[in-house]
N, C-alpha and C. Protein backbone atom coordinates (compact mmCIF):
# COMPACT_ATOMS: atom_id res chain seq x y z
N MET A 1 -4.10 -102.29 90.36
CA MET A 1 -3.31 -101.12 90.64
C MET A 1 -3.79 -100.50 91.96
N GLN A 2 -2.84 -100.13 92.82
CA GLN A 2 -3.18 -99.53 94.11
C GLN A 2 -2.83 -98.06 94.11
N ASN A 3 -3.72 -97.26 94.66
CA ASN A 3 -3.49 -95.84 94.87
C ASN A 3 -3.50 -95.57 96.36
N THR A 4 -2.84 -94.51 96.77
CA THR A 4 -2.88 -94.12 98.17
C THR A 4 -3.81 -92.93 98.31
N LYS A 5 -4.80 -93.07 99.14
CA LYS A 5 -5.72 -91.99 99.47
C LYS A 5 -5.57 -91.70 100.96
N PHE A 6 -6.25 -90.69 101.44
CA PHE A 6 -6.05 -90.28 102.82
C PHE A 6 -7.38 -90.06 103.55
N LEU A 7 -7.36 -90.36 104.85
CA LEU A 7 -8.44 -90.06 105.76
C LEU A 7 -7.95 -88.95 106.68
N VAL A 8 -8.87 -88.14 107.17
CA VAL A 8 -8.52 -87.10 108.13
C VAL A 8 -8.98 -87.59 109.50
N LYS A 9 -8.02 -87.78 110.40
CA LYS A 9 -8.29 -88.29 111.75
C LYS A 9 -8.26 -87.13 112.73
N LEU A 10 -9.32 -86.99 113.54
CA LEU A 10 -9.44 -85.91 114.51
C LEU A 10 -9.34 -86.46 115.92
N ASN A 11 -8.57 -85.83 116.75
CA ASN A 11 -8.51 -86.15 118.18
C ASN A 11 -8.93 -84.88 118.91
N ARG A 12 -10.16 -84.86 119.36
CA ARG A 12 -10.69 -83.68 120.05
C ARG A 12 -10.50 -83.83 121.55
N ALA A 13 -10.23 -82.70 122.21
CA ALA A 13 -10.10 -82.70 123.66
C ALA A 13 -11.43 -83.07 124.28
N GLY A 14 -11.44 -84.05 125.16
CA GLY A 14 -12.65 -84.47 125.84
C GLY A 14 -13.41 -85.57 125.12
N ALA A 15 -13.04 -85.90 123.90
CA ALA A 15 -13.72 -86.98 123.16
C ALA A 15 -13.19 -88.32 123.65
N HIS A 16 -13.99 -89.35 123.51
CA HIS A 16 -13.62 -90.67 124.02
C HIS A 16 -12.60 -91.39 123.14
N GLY A 17 -12.60 -91.12 121.86
CA GLY A 17 -11.69 -91.80 120.97
C GLY A 17 -11.50 -91.00 119.70
N PRO A 18 -10.66 -91.48 118.80
CA PRO A 18 -10.45 -90.75 117.55
C PRO A 18 -11.69 -90.78 116.67
N GLN A 19 -11.86 -89.72 115.91
CA GLN A 19 -12.96 -89.63 114.97
C GLN A 19 -12.38 -89.32 113.60
N TYR A 20 -13.13 -89.66 112.56
CA TYR A 20 -12.70 -89.44 111.19
C TYR A 20 -13.68 -88.51 110.50
N LEU A 21 -13.19 -87.73 109.57
CA LEU A 21 -14.01 -86.78 108.84
C LEU A 21 -14.99 -87.53 107.94
N LEU A 22 -16.26 -87.25 108.09
CA LEU A 22 -17.31 -87.89 107.31
C LEU A 22 -17.81 -86.96 106.22
N GLN A 23 -18.01 -85.69 106.56
CA GLN A 23 -18.52 -84.72 105.60
C GLN A 23 -18.03 -83.35 106.01
N MET A 24 -17.72 -82.53 105.02
CA MET A 24 -17.24 -81.18 105.29
C MET A 24 -18.00 -80.22 104.41
N GLY A 25 -18.52 -79.21 104.97
CA GLY A 25 -19.26 -78.19 104.25
C GLY A 25 -19.46 -77.02 105.19
N LYS A 26 -20.71 -76.57 105.32
CA LYS A 26 -21.00 -75.52 106.29
C LYS A 26 -20.76 -76.01 107.71
N SER A 27 -21.02 -77.28 107.94
CA SER A 27 -20.72 -77.89 109.23
C SER A 27 -19.88 -79.14 109.00
N ILE A 28 -19.10 -79.49 109.99
CA ILE A 28 -18.22 -80.65 109.90
C ILE A 28 -18.89 -81.82 110.58
N LYS A 29 -19.00 -82.95 109.88
CA LYS A 29 -19.58 -84.16 110.46
C LYS A 29 -18.47 -85.20 110.58
N THR A 30 -18.47 -85.89 111.69
CA THR A 30 -17.44 -86.90 111.94
C THR A 30 -18.09 -88.24 112.28
N THR A 31 -17.29 -89.29 112.18
CA THR A 31 -17.73 -90.63 112.53
C THR A 31 -16.60 -91.33 113.25
N SER A 32 -16.94 -92.27 114.11
CA SER A 32 -15.92 -93.05 114.80
C SER A 32 -15.56 -94.31 114.01
N GLU A 33 -16.33 -94.61 112.97
CA GLU A 33 -16.07 -95.78 112.14
C GLU A 33 -15.20 -95.41 110.95
N ARG A 34 -14.04 -96.01 110.90
CA ARG A 34 -13.06 -95.67 109.87
C ARG A 34 -13.56 -96.00 108.46
N ARG A 35 -14.32 -97.07 108.32
CA ARG A 35 -14.76 -97.49 106.99
C ARG A 35 -15.80 -96.55 106.39
N LEU A 36 -16.42 -95.70 107.20
CA LEU A 36 -17.40 -94.74 106.71
C LEU A 36 -16.78 -93.38 106.42
N ALA A 37 -15.52 -93.20 106.74
CA ALA A 37 -14.87 -91.90 106.61
C ALA A 37 -14.69 -91.49 105.15
N LEU A 38 -14.58 -90.19 104.97
CA LEU A 38 -14.38 -89.60 103.66
C LEU A 38 -12.95 -89.86 103.19
N VAL A 39 -12.79 -90.50 102.04
CA VAL A 39 -11.48 -90.80 101.47
C VAL A 39 -11.19 -89.75 100.41
N MET A 40 -10.01 -89.11 100.50
CA MET A 40 -9.71 -88.02 99.57
C MET A 40 -8.24 -88.01 99.21
N GLY A 41 -7.92 -87.20 98.23
CA GLY A 41 -6.54 -87.05 97.80
C GLY A 41 -5.73 -86.25 98.81
N LYS A 42 -4.42 -86.25 98.65
CA LYS A 42 -3.53 -85.62 99.62
C LYS A 42 -3.77 -84.12 99.72
N TYR A 43 -3.90 -83.42 98.60
CA TYR A 43 -4.04 -81.97 98.64
C TYR A 43 -5.39 -81.55 99.20
N THR A 44 -6.44 -82.28 98.89
CA THR A 44 -7.76 -82.00 99.45
C THR A 44 -7.76 -82.25 100.96
N ALA A 45 -7.12 -83.31 101.39
CA ALA A 45 -7.05 -83.64 102.81
C ALA A 45 -6.24 -82.58 103.57
N GLN A 46 -5.17 -82.09 102.97
CA GLN A 46 -4.38 -81.05 103.62
C GLN A 46 -5.17 -79.75 103.75
N ASP A 47 -5.98 -79.43 102.76
CA ASP A 47 -6.85 -78.25 102.84
C ASP A 47 -7.86 -78.42 103.97
N ALA A 48 -8.41 -79.62 104.11
CA ALA A 48 -9.37 -79.89 105.19
C ALA A 48 -8.70 -79.74 106.55
N ILE A 49 -7.49 -80.22 106.67
CA ILE A 49 -6.75 -80.11 107.94
C ILE A 49 -6.53 -78.65 108.31
N GLU A 50 -6.14 -77.84 107.35
CA GLU A 50 -5.89 -76.43 107.63
C GLU A 50 -7.14 -75.71 108.10
N SER A 51 -8.30 -76.08 107.58
CA SER A 51 -9.52 -75.40 107.99
C SER A 51 -10.10 -75.93 109.30
N ILE A 52 -9.77 -77.17 109.69
CA ILE A 52 -10.32 -77.77 110.90
C ILE A 52 -9.45 -77.53 112.12
N GLN A 53 -8.14 -77.51 111.94
CA GLN A 53 -7.21 -77.52 113.06
C GLN A 53 -7.42 -76.34 114.01
N SER A 54 -7.44 -76.66 115.30
CA SER A 54 -7.59 -75.66 116.35
C SER A 54 -6.79 -76.13 117.57
N PRO A 55 -6.64 -75.27 118.58
CA PRO A 55 -5.90 -75.70 119.77
C PRO A 55 -6.54 -76.88 120.51
N ARG A 56 -7.86 -77.03 120.40
CA ARG A 56 -8.55 -78.12 121.10
C ARG A 56 -8.70 -79.37 120.25
N CYS A 57 -8.24 -79.34 119.01
CA CYS A 57 -8.41 -80.47 118.11
C CYS A 57 -7.12 -80.70 117.34
N THR A 58 -6.53 -81.88 117.49
CA THR A 58 -5.35 -82.22 116.69
C THR A 58 -5.81 -83.09 115.52
N VAL A 59 -5.24 -82.81 114.37
CA VAL A 59 -5.67 -83.45 113.14
C VAL A 59 -4.45 -84.09 112.47
N GLU A 60 -4.65 -85.29 111.88
CA GLU A 60 -3.55 -85.94 111.16
C GLU A 60 -4.09 -86.68 109.94
N LEU A 61 -3.20 -86.92 108.99
CA LEU A 61 -3.53 -87.70 107.80
C LEU A 61 -3.27 -89.17 108.05
N VAL A 62 -4.17 -90.02 107.59
CA VAL A 62 -4.01 -91.47 107.72
C VAL A 62 -4.01 -92.05 106.29
N PRO A 63 -2.87 -92.57 105.81
CA PRO A 63 -2.84 -93.13 104.46
C PRO A 63 -3.60 -94.46 104.38
N VAL A 64 -4.29 -94.66 103.25
CA VAL A 64 -5.07 -95.87 103.02
C VAL A 64 -4.80 -96.34 101.60
N LYS A 65 -4.53 -97.62 101.43
CA LYS A 65 -4.34 -98.20 100.09
C LYS A 65 -5.71 -98.49 99.49
N VAL A 66 -5.94 -98.00 98.28
CA VAL A 66 -7.22 -98.19 97.58
C VAL A 66 -6.94 -98.89 96.28
N ILE A 67 -7.67 -99.98 96.02
CA ILE A 67 -7.51 -100.70 94.77
C ILE A 67 -8.41 -100.05 93.72
N ALA A 68 -7.78 -99.61 92.63
CA ALA A 68 -8.54 -98.92 91.57
C ALA A 68 -8.72 -99.82 90.38
């Protein structure tokens, strides 16, 4: 059975390439490696996007198929 989960992809102004959300808490940690990124449900990912988004950072959801 396959489920769809989501990654949060960040494109920051001045960064060399896209980064993915690794950890979110008091501080936001990112990684450039997609396989290490935090995989979450749609509603959790949307909450993360709302708290991260700024004029200097564009954020988008990236769907990922996960075998459960």
